[in-house]
Amino acid sequence: MKALGKSLRLAAGFEGVTLIILLCVAVPLKYGWGNPTLVRSLGPIHGVAFLTYIYQVLKASARQKLSLKSTLTLVAAGFVPGGTFVALRRL
């Protein structure tokens, strides 16, 4: 398999970091201490990061003709905290 593009790796890293911060910092602040400020600001940022990541996966799939299994693995990895890092390392 060809090396995955730099833009996909960058999008995966940003998506992964925003998801981990959202789940490990912002959500506990919201529900544990009643402070939803970080969720309100980081939620939309993560949403854009996720959509950008999915776009980059589909773009790489079309351009590099990734297998369906690889494409689905990368998409599924976006839903798991840290999944994008593991999936890209394995591919």
N, C-alpha and C. Protein backbone atom coordinates (compact mmCIF):
# COMPACT_ATOMS: atom_id res chain seq x y z
N MET A 1 0.85 -1.18 0.00
CA MET A 1 0.00 0.00 0.00
C MET A 1 0.89 1.24 0.00
N LYS A 2 0.49 2.19 -0.78
CA LYS A 2 1.25 3.44 -0.84
C LYS A 2 1.18 4.15 0.51
N ALA A 3 2.18 4.97 0.75
CA ALA A 3 2.17 5.76 1.98
C ALA A 3 0.99 6.73 1.96
N LEU A 4 0.35 6.85 3.09
CA LEU A 4 -0.79 7.76 3.17
C LEU A 4 -0.29 9.19 3.15
N GLY A 5 -1.09 10.08 2.60
CA GLY A 5 -0.68 11.46 2.41
C GLY A 5 -0.49 12.24 3.70
N LYS A 6 0.30 13.28 3.59
CA LYS A 6 0.59 14.15 4.73
C LYS A 6 -0.68 14.83 5.24
N SER A 7 -1.56 15.23 4.33
CA SER A 7 -2.79 15.91 4.76
C SER A 7 -3.70 14.97 5.55
N LEU A 8 -3.73 13.69 5.18
CA LEU A 8 -4.53 12.72 5.94
C LEU A 8 -3.93 12.52 7.32
N ARG A 9 -2.63 12.41 7.41
CA ARG A 9 -1.97 12.23 8.71
C ARG A 9 -2.20 13.44 9.61
N LEU A 10 -2.13 14.63 9.05
CA LEU A 10 -2.36 15.85 9.81
C LEU A 10 -3.81 15.92 10.30
N ALA A 11 -4.75 15.62 9.41
CA ALA A 11 -6.17 15.63 9.79
C ALA A 11 -6.45 14.57 10.86
N ALA A 12 -5.84 13.40 10.73
CA ALA A 12 -6.03 12.33 11.72
C ALA A 12 -5.47 12.74 13.08
N GLY A 13 -4.33 13.37 13.09
CA GLY A 13 -3.74 13.82 14.34
C GLY A 13 -4.60 14.87 15.02
N PHE A 14 -5.07 15.84 14.26
CA PHE A 14 -5.90 16.90 14.83
C PHE A 14 -7.23 16.33 15.34
N GLU A 15 -7.83 15.44 14.57
CA GLU A 15 -9.09 14.82 14.99
C GLU A 15 -8.88 14.01 16.25
N GLY A 16 -7.82 13.24 16.30
CA GLY A 16 -7.53 12.42 17.47
C GLY A 16 -7.30 13.23 18.73
N VAL A 17 -6.53 14.30 18.60
CA VAL A 17 -6.24 15.15 19.75
C VAL A 17 -7.50 15.85 20.25
N THR A 18 -8.30 16.38 19.33
CA THR A 18 -9.52 17.08 19.77
C THR A 18 -10.51 16.13 20.43
N LEU A 19 -10.60 14.90 19.93
CA LEU A 19 -11.52 13.93 20.54
C LEU A 19 -11.06 13.56 21.95
N ILE A 20 -9.78 13.32 22.11
CA ILE A 20 -9.25 12.96 23.43
C ILE A 20 -9.44 14.11 24.42
N ILE A 21 -9.15 15.33 24.00
CA ILE A 21 -9.34 16.48 24.90
C ILE A 21 -10.82 16.65 25.24
N LEU A 22 -11.67 16.49 24.23
CA LEU A 22 -13.10 16.63 24.46
C LEU A 22 -13.60 15.60 25.48
N LEU A 23 -13.21 14.35 25.31
CA LEU A 23 -13.72 13.29 26.19
C LEU A 23 -13.03 13.24 27.55
N CYS A 24 -11.75 13.57 27.60
CA CYS A 24 -11.00 13.42 28.85
C CYS A 24 -10.93 14.70 29.69
N VAL A 25 -11.17 15.84 29.08
CA VAL A 25 -11.08 17.10 29.81
C VAL A 25 -12.42 17.83 29.83
N ALA A 26 -12.96 18.10 28.64
CA ALA A 26 -14.15 18.95 28.54
C ALA A 26 -15.40 18.29 29.13
N VAL A 27 -15.63 17.03 28.82
CA VAL A 27 -16.84 16.37 29.32
C VAL A 27 -16.80 16.21 30.85
N PRO A 28 -15.66 15.79 31.44
CA PRO A 28 -15.63 15.76 32.91
C PRO A 28 -15.84 17.14 33.55
N LEU A 29 -15.31 18.19 32.92
CA LEU A 29 -15.56 19.54 33.44
C LEU A 29 -17.04 19.89 33.39
N LYS A 30 -17.70 19.47 32.31
CA LYS A 30 -19.12 19.79 32.17
C LYS A 30 -19.97 19.04 33.19
N TYR A 31 -19.76 17.75 33.29
CA TYR A 31 -20.63 16.96 34.15
C TYR A 31 -20.14 16.82 35.58
N GLY A 32 -18.85 16.94 35.80
CA GLY A 32 -18.32 16.83 37.15
C GLY A 32 -18.34 18.13 37.92
N TRP A 33 -18.07 19.22 37.22
CA TRP A 33 -17.98 20.52 37.89
C TRP A 33 -18.98 21.54 37.37
N GLY A 34 -19.86 21.10 36.47
CA GLY A 34 -20.91 21.99 35.99
C GLY A 34 -20.42 23.14 35.13
N ASN A 35 -19.30 22.96 34.44
CA ASN A 35 -18.74 24.02 33.61
C ASN A 35 -18.73 23.57 32.14
N PRO A 36 -19.75 23.93 31.36
CA PRO A 36 -19.84 23.47 29.98
C PRO A 36 -19.08 24.33 28.97
N THR A 37 -18.33 25.30 29.43
CA THR A 37 -17.67 26.24 28.53
C THR A 37 -16.76 25.56 27.52
N LEU A 38 -15.92 24.64 27.98
CA LEU A 38 -14.97 23.99 27.08
C LEU A 38 -15.68 23.10 26.06
N VAL A 39 -16.75 22.45 26.47
CA VAL A 39 -17.50 21.61 25.53
C VAL A 39 -18.12 22.48 24.44
N ARG A 40 -18.65 23.63 24.84
CA ARG A 40 -19.27 24.54 23.86
C ARG A 40 -18.27 25.06 22.84
N SER A 41 -17.03 25.27 23.26
CA SER A 41 -16.05 25.80 22.32
C SER A 41 -15.32 24.70 21.57
N LEU A 42 -15.02 23.60 22.23
CA LEU A 42 -14.25 22.53 21.59
C LEU A 42 -15.13 21.62 20.74
N GLY A 43 -16.41 21.50 21.06
CA GLY A 43 -17.31 20.64 20.29
C GLY A 43 -17.34 20.98 18.81
N PRO A 44 -17.59 22.21 18.44
CA PRO A 44 -17.60 22.57 17.02
C PRO A 44 -16.22 22.41 16.35
N ILE A 45 -15.16 22.69 17.11
CA ILE A 45 -13.81 22.51 16.55
C ILE A 45 -13.58 21.04 16.23
N HIS A 46 -13.97 20.18 17.16
CA HIS A 46 -13.83 18.75 16.90
C HIS A 46 -14.72 18.32 15.74
N GLY A 47 -15.91 18.87 15.64
CA GLY A 47 -16.79 18.54 14.52
C GLY A 47 -16.16 18.84 13.17
N VAL A 48 -15.55 19.99 13.06
CA VAL A 48 -14.86 20.37 11.82
C VAL A 48 -13.66 19.45 11.59
N ALA A 49 -12.93 19.13 12.65
CA ALA A 49 -11.78 18.23 12.54
C ALA A 49 -12.22 16.85 12.07
N PHE A 50 -13.33 16.36 12.61
CA PHE A 50 -13.83 15.04 12.21
C PHE A 50 -14.25 15.03 10.74
N LEU A 51 -15.00 16.04 10.33
CA LEU A 51 -15.44 16.10 8.93
C LEU A 51 -14.25 16.24 7.97
N THR A 52 -13.24 17.00 8.38
CA THR A 52 -12.04 17.13 7.56
C THR A 52 -11.32 15.79 7.46
N TYR A 53 -11.24 15.08 8.57
CA TYR A 53 -10.60 13.76 8.58
C TYR A 53 -11.34 12.80 7.65
N ILE A 54 -12.67 12.75 7.74
CA ILE A 54 -13.45 11.86 6.87
C ILE A 54 -13.25 12.24 5.41
N TYR A 55 -13.23 13.52 5.12
CA TYR A 55 -12.98 13.97 3.75
C TYR A 55 -11.61 13.50 3.27
N GLN A 56 -10.60 13.63 4.11
CA GLN A 56 -9.25 13.20 3.72
C GLN A 56 -9.17 11.69 3.53
N VAL A 57 -9.89 10.93 4.33
CA VAL A 57 -9.92 9.47 4.17
C VAL A 57 -10.54 9.12 2.82
N LEU A 58 -11.68 9.73 2.51
CA LEU A 58 -12.35 9.45 1.24
C LEU A 58 -11.51 9.90 0.06
N LYS A 59 -10.86 11.03 0.21
CA LYS A 59 -9.98 11.54 -0.85
C LYS A 59 -8.81 10.58 -1.08
N ALA A 60 -8.19 10.11 0.00
CA ALA A 60 -7.08 9.17 -0.12
C ALA A 60 -7.56 7.84 -0.70
N SER A 61 -8.75 7.44 -0.32
CA SER A 61 -9.31 6.19 -0.84
C SER A 61 -9.51 6.27 -2.35
N ALA A 62 -10.04 7.37 -2.81
CA ALA A 62 -10.26 7.53 -4.24
C ALA A 62 -8.95 7.70 -5.01
N ARG A 63 -8.04 8.46 -4.45
CA ARG A 63 -6.78 8.76 -5.13
C ARG A 63 -5.83 7.57 -5.13
N GLN A 64 -5.72 6.91 -3.98
CA GLN A 64 -4.73 5.84 -3.86
C GLN A 64 -5.35 4.46 -3.99
N LYS A 65 -6.64 4.43 -4.20
CA LYS A 65 -7.36 3.17 -4.35
C LYS A 65 -7.10 2.25 -3.16
N LEU A 66 -7.36 2.79 -1.97
CA LEU A 66 -7.29 1.98 -0.75
C LEU A 66 -8.37 0.91 -0.81
N SER A 67 -8.11 -0.19 -0.18
CA SER A 67 -9.13 -1.24 -0.13
C SER A 67 -10.32 -0.76 0.70
N LEU A 68 -11.44 -1.41 0.49
CA LEU A 68 -12.63 -1.06 1.26
C LEU A 68 -12.38 -1.28 2.75
N LYS A 69 -11.67 -2.34 3.07
CA LYS A 69 -11.36 -2.65 4.47
C LYS A 69 -10.52 -1.54 5.10
N SER A 70 -9.51 -1.05 4.39
CA SER A 70 -8.67 0.03 4.92
C SER A 70 -9.46 1.31 5.09
N THR A 71 -10.30 1.62 4.13
CA THR A 71 -11.12 2.82 4.21
C THR A 71 -12.09 2.75 5.39
N LEU A 72 -12.76 1.61 5.54
CA LEU A 72 -13.70 1.46 6.66
C LEU A 72 -12.98 1.47 8.01
N THR A 73 -11.78 0.91 8.06
CA THR A 73 -10.99 0.93 9.28
C THR A 73 -10.65 2.36 9.67
N LEU A 74 -10.24 3.17 8.70
CA LEU A 74 -9.90 4.56 8.98
C LEU A 74 -11.13 5.35 9.41
N VAL A 75 -12.26 5.11 8.78
CA VAL A 75 -13.49 5.81 9.17
C VAL A 75 -13.89 5.41 10.59
N ALA A 76 -13.88 4.13 10.89
CA ALA A 76 -14.25 3.65 12.22
C ALA A 76 -13.31 4.18 13.29
N ALA A 77 -12.04 4.34 12.94
CA ALA A 77 -11.04 4.83 13.89
C ALA A 77 -11.36 6.24 14.37
N GLY A 78 -12.06 7.01 13.56
CA GLY A 78 -12.44 8.37 13.95
C GLY A 78 -13.44 8.42 15.09
N PHE A 79 -14.09 7.30 15.39
CA PHE A 79 -15.08 7.26 16.46
C PHE A 79 -14.52 6.76 17.79
N VAL A 80 -13.26 6.33 17.77
CA VAL A 80 -12.64 5.76 18.97
C VAL A 80 -11.54 6.70 19.45
N PRO A 81 -11.54 7.07 20.72
CA PRO A 81 -10.45 7.93 21.22
C PRO A 81 -9.09 7.28 20.99
N GLY A 82 -8.23 7.97 20.29
CA GLY A 82 -6.90 7.45 19.96
C GLY A 82 -6.91 6.50 18.78
N GLY A 83 -8.06 6.22 18.23
CA GLY A 83 -8.17 5.27 17.13
C GLY A 83 -7.47 5.71 15.86
N THR A 84 -7.48 6.99 15.59
CA THR A 84 -6.83 7.47 14.38
C THR A 84 -5.31 7.24 14.43
N PHE A 85 -4.74 7.38 15.61
CA PHE A 85 -3.30 7.18 15.76
C PHE A 85 -2.95 5.71 15.51
N VAL A 86 -3.72 4.81 16.08
CA VAL A 86 -3.47 3.37 15.93
C VAL A 86 -3.70 2.93 14.49
N ALA A 87 -4.79 3.36 13.90
CA ALA A 87 -5.11 2.94 12.53
C ALA A 87 -4.05 3.40 11.53
N LEU A 88 -3.61 4.64 11.66
CA LEU A 88 -2.60 5.12 10.72
C LEU A 88 -1.26 4.40 10.92
N ARG A 89 -0.94 4.08 12.15
CA ARG A 89 0.30 3.36 12.40
C ARG A 89 0.26 1.97 11.80
N ARG A 90 -0.91 1.32 11.87
CA ARG A 90 -1.03 -0.04 11.33
C ARG A 90 -1.09 -0.05 9.81
N LEU A 91 -1.57 1.02 9.21
CA LEU A 91 -1.63 1.07 7.75
C LEU A 91 -0.33 1.63 7.22
